[in-house]
C-alpha atoms as a PDB file:
ATOM      1  CA  UNK A   1     132.162  92.088 131.632  1.00  0.00           C
ATOM      2  CA  UNK A   2     128.804  93.373 130.360  1.00  0.00           C
ATOM      3  CA  UNK A   3     128.345  96.097 127.786  1.00  0.00           C
ATOM      4  CA  UNK A   4     126.994  99.442 128.900  1.00  0.00           C
ATOM      5  CA  UNK A   5     123.535  99.548 127.347  1.00  0.00           C
ATOM      6  CA  UNK A   6     123.996 103.224 126.532  1.00  0.00           C
ATOM      7  CA  UNK A   7     127.434 102.868 124.944  1.00  0.00           C
ATOM      8  CA  UNK A   8     128.499 103.913 121.472  1.00  0.00           C
ATOM      9  CA  UNK A   9     131.059 101.463 120.138  1.00  0.00           C
ATOM     10  CA  UNK A  10     133.946 102.066 117.726  1.00  0.00           C
ATOM     11  CA  UNK A  11     134.076 105.870 117.637  1.00  0.00           C
ATOM     12  CA  UNK A  12     136.157 106.250 114.458  1.00  0.00           C
ATOM     13  CA  UNK A  13     133.835 108.732 112.852  1.00  0.00           C
ATOM     14  CA  UNK A  14     136.118 110.370 110.307  1.00  0.00           C
ATOM     15  CA  UNK A  15     136.258 107.086 108.392  1.00  0.00           C
ATOM     16  CA  UNK A  16     132.471 107.350 107.977  1.00  0.00           C
ATOM     17  CA  UNK A  17     132.439 110.840 106.459  1.00  0.00           C
ATOM     18  CA  UNK A  18     131.733 111.156 102.759  1.00  0.00           C
ATOM     19  CA  UNK A  19     130.514 107.591 102.451  1.00  0.00           C
ATOM     20  CA  UNK A  20     127.067 106.102 102.334  1.00  0.00           C
ATOM     21  CA  UNK A  21     125.834 104.050 105.254  1.00  0.00           C
ATOM     22  CA  UNK A  22     123.155 101.620 106.243  1.00  0.00           C
ATOM     23  CA  UNK A  23     121.129 101.840 109.421  1.00  0.00           C
ATOM     24  CA  UNK A  24     119.520  98.914 111.185  1.00  0.00           C
ATOM     25  CA  UNK A  25     117.649  98.992 114.478  1.00  0.00           C
ATOM     26  CA  UNK A  26     117.896  95.701 116.333  1.00  0.00           C
ATOM     27  CA  UNK A  27     116.008  94.782 119.457  1.00  0.00           C
ATOM     28  CA  UNK A  28     117.820  92.780 122.119  1.00  0.00           C
ATOM     29  CA  UNK A  29     116.129  91.467 125.278  1.00  0.00           C
ATOM     30  CA  UNK A  30     117.088  94.500 127.399  1.00  0.00           C
ATOM     31  CA  UNK A  31     117.887  97.227 124.896  1.00  0.00           C
ATOM     32  CA  UNK A  32     117.648  98.470 121.334  1.00  0.00           C
ATOM     33  CA  UNK A  33     120.778  98.800 119.180  1.00  0.00           C
ATOM     34  CA  UNK A  34     121.140 101.154 116.225  1.00  0.00           C
ATOM     35  CA  UNK A  35     123.764  99.623 113.938  1.00  0.00           C
ATOM     36  CA  UNK A  36     125.418 102.150 111.628  1.00  0.00           C
ATOM     37  CA  UNK A  37     127.539 100.510 108.940  1.00  0.00           C
ATOM     38  CA  UNK A  38     129.582 102.388 106.350  1.00  0.00           C
ATOM     39  CA  UNK A  39     130.132 101.171 102.827  1.00  0.00           C
ATOM     40  CA  UNK A  40     133.789 100.545 103.820  1.00  0.00           C
ATOM     41  CA  UNK A  41     132.845  98.070 106.549  1.00  0.00           C
ATOM     42  CA  UNK A  42     133.161 100.280 109.655  1.00  0.00           C
ATOM     43  CA  UNK A  43     130.381  99.647 112.158  1.00  0.00           C
ATOM     44  CA  UNK A  44     129.171 101.808 115.055  1.00  0.00           C
ATOM     45  CA  UNK A  45     126.542 100.600 117.524  1.00  0.00           C
ATOM     46  CA  UNK A  46     124.415 102.926 119.647  1.00  0.00           C
ATOM     47  CA  UNK A  47     122.537 101.241 122.493  1.00  0.00           C
ATOM     48  CA  UNK A  48     119.507 102.563 124.307  1.00  0.00           C
ATOM     49  CA  UNK A  49     116.127 101.784 125.770  1.00  0.00           C
ATOM     50  CA  UNK A  50     114.111  98.939 124.307  1.00  0.00           C
ATOM     51  CA  UNK A  51     111.007 101.124 123.911  1.00  0.00           C
ATOM     52  CA  UNK A  52     112.650 103.359 121.305  1.00  0.00           C
ATOM     53  CA  UNK A  53     110.042 104.730 118.921  1.00  0.00           C
ATOM     54  CA  UNK A  54     107.272 104.540 121.504  1.00  0.00           C
ATOM     55  CA  UNK A  55     108.848 106.048 124.635  1.00  0.00           C
ATOM     56  CA  UNK A  56     110.896 109.201 124.033  1.00  0.00           C
ATOM     57  CA  UNK A  57     113.351 109.603 126.898  1.00  0.00           C
ATOM     58  CA  UNK A  58     115.801 111.998 125.251  1.00  0.00           C
ATOM     59  CA  UNK A  59     118.564 109.399 125.545  1.00  0.00           C
ATOM     60  CA  UNK A  60     121.639 109.048 123.343  1.00  0.00           C
ATOM     61  CA  UNK A  61     119.783 106.652 121.075  1.00  0.00           C
ATOM     62  CA  UNK A  62     116.803 109.039 120.836  1.00  0.00           C
ATOM     63  CA  UNK A  63     119.102 111.939 119.929  1.00  0.00           C
ATOM     64  CA  UNK A  64     121.055 109.972 117.311  1.00  0.00           C
ATOM     65  CA  UNK A  65     117.799 108.804 115.711  1.00  0.00           C
ATOM     66  CA  UNK A  66     116.584 112.429 115.756  1.00  0.00           C
ATOM     67  CA  UNK A  67     119.639 113.346 113.665  1.00  0.00           C
ATOM     68  CA  UNK A  68     118.703 110.961 110.835  1.00  0.00           C
ATOM     69  CA  UNK A  69     117.533 112.965 107.804  1.00  0.00           C
ATOM     70  CA  UNK A  70     113.861 112.246 107.114  1.00  0.00           C
ATOM     71  CA  UNK A  71     114.176 113.142 103.418  1.00  0.00           C
ATOM     72  CA  UNK A  72     115.285 109.676 102.382  1.00  0.00           C
ATOM     73  CA  UNK A  73     115.074 107.518 105.509  1.00  0.00           C
ATOM     74  CA  UNK A  74     111.701 106.147 106.540  1.00  0.00           C
ATOM     75  CA  UNK A  75     111.842 105.852 110.329  1.00  0.00           C
ATOM     76  CA  UNK A  76     108.846 103.516 110.355  1.00  0.00           C
ATOM     77  CA  UNK A  77     110.899 101.040 108.359  1.00  0.00           C
ATOM     78  CA  UNK A  78     113.849 101.542 110.693  1.00  0.00           C
ATOM     79  CA  UNK A  79     111.684 100.817 113.762  1.00  0.00           C
ATOM     80  CA  UNK A  80     110.383  97.696 111.966  1.00  0.00           C
ATOM     81  CA  UNK A  81     113.996  96.418 111.767  1.00  0.00           C
ATOM     82  CA  UNK A  82     114.254  97.049 108.018  1.00  0.00           C
ATOM     83  CA  UNK A  83     117.728  98.078 106.853  1.00  0.00           C
ATOM     84  CA  UNK A  84     117.726 101.687 105.591  1.00  0.00           C
ATOM     85  CA  UNK A  85     120.327 103.235 103.298  1.00  0.00           C
ATOM     86  CA  UNK A  86     121.636 106.785 103.701  1.00  0.00           C
ATOM     87  CA  UNK A  87     123.483 108.393 100.771  1.00  0.00           C
ATOM     88  CA  UNK A  88     126.907 109.921 101.411  1.00  0.00           C
ATOM     89  CA  UNK A  89     125.733 113.542 101.146  1.00  0.00           C
ATOM     90  CA  UNK A  90     123.262 113.073 104.044  1.00  0.00           C
ATOM     91  CA  UNK A  91     125.497 111.299 106.584  1.00  0.00           C
ATOM     92  CA  UNK A  92     127.276 114.280 108.182  1.00  0.00           C
ATOM     93  CA  UNK A  93     124.412 115.126 110.546  1.00  0.00           C
ATOM     94  CA  UNK A  94     124.403 111.548 111.907  1.00  0.00           C
ATOM     95  CA  UNK A  95     128.181 111.551 112.357  1.00  0.00           C
ATOM     96  CA  UNK A  96     128.047 114.971 114.039  1.00  0.00           C
ATOM     97  CA  UNK A  97     125.449 113.613 116.448  1.00  0.00           C
ATOM     98  CA  UNK A  98     127.659 110.627 117.323  1.00  0.00           C
ATOM     99  CA  UNK A  99     130.632 112.916 117.970  1.00  0.00           C
ATOM    100  CA  UNK A 100     128.486 115.220 120.122  1.00  0.00           C
ATOM    101  CA  UNK A 101     127.230 112.288 122.213  1.00  0.00           C
ATOM    102  CA  UNK A 102     130.780 111.107 122.852  1.00  0.00           C
ATOM    103  CA  UNK A 103     131.822 114.638 123.803  1.00  0.00           C
ATOM    104  CA  UNK A 104     128.970 114.811 126.353  1.00  0.00           C
ATOM    105  CA  UNK A 105     130.068 111.550 127.974  1.00  0.00           C
ATOM    106  CA  UNK A 106     133.736 112.588 128.053  1.00  0.00           C
ATOM    107  CA  UNK A 107     132.842 115.926 129.665  1.00  0.00           C
ATOM    108  CA  UNK A 108     130.688 114.194 132.263  1.00  0.00           C
ATOM    109  CA  UNK A 109     133.429 111.677 133.089  1.00  0.00           C
ATOM    110  CA  UNK A 110     136.012 114.462 133.386  1.00  0.00           C
ATOM    111  CA  UNK A 111     133.716 116.436 135.688  1.00  0.00           C
ATOM    112  CA  UNK A 112     133.306 113.368 137.904  1.00  0.00           C
ATOM    113  CA  UNK A 113     137.079 112.817 137.985  1.00  0.00           C
ATOM    114  CA  UNK A 114     137.106 109.558 136.007  1.00  0.00           C
ATOM    115  CA  UNK A 115     139.190 111.018 133.164  1.00  0.00           C
ATOM    116  CA  UNK A 116     141.993 113.538 133.165  1.00  0.00           C
END
């Protein structure tokens, strides 16, 4: 079974709130993966198009990256696969974005009759 390249894994977001996190953007052969790791060891992966940072498609990965606060996170470093730290007081907007993306997918699946 292959992974959906646009999937968000491990949606246990409340365990991420109020804690610092690290962000790493990894490039796989067919997609890019934003790895969000909390200081407690919880990891969430957001997959999207390989051309992230150069081709804006408005995908889940684009929208989650848009939610990253620019005050302390240098996106150029993130796109260069350098691990970036986010302090606890700036993580809520990223977590809110992850929850919103999951809500969009659930609503779409319900509308198509795949979920009740």
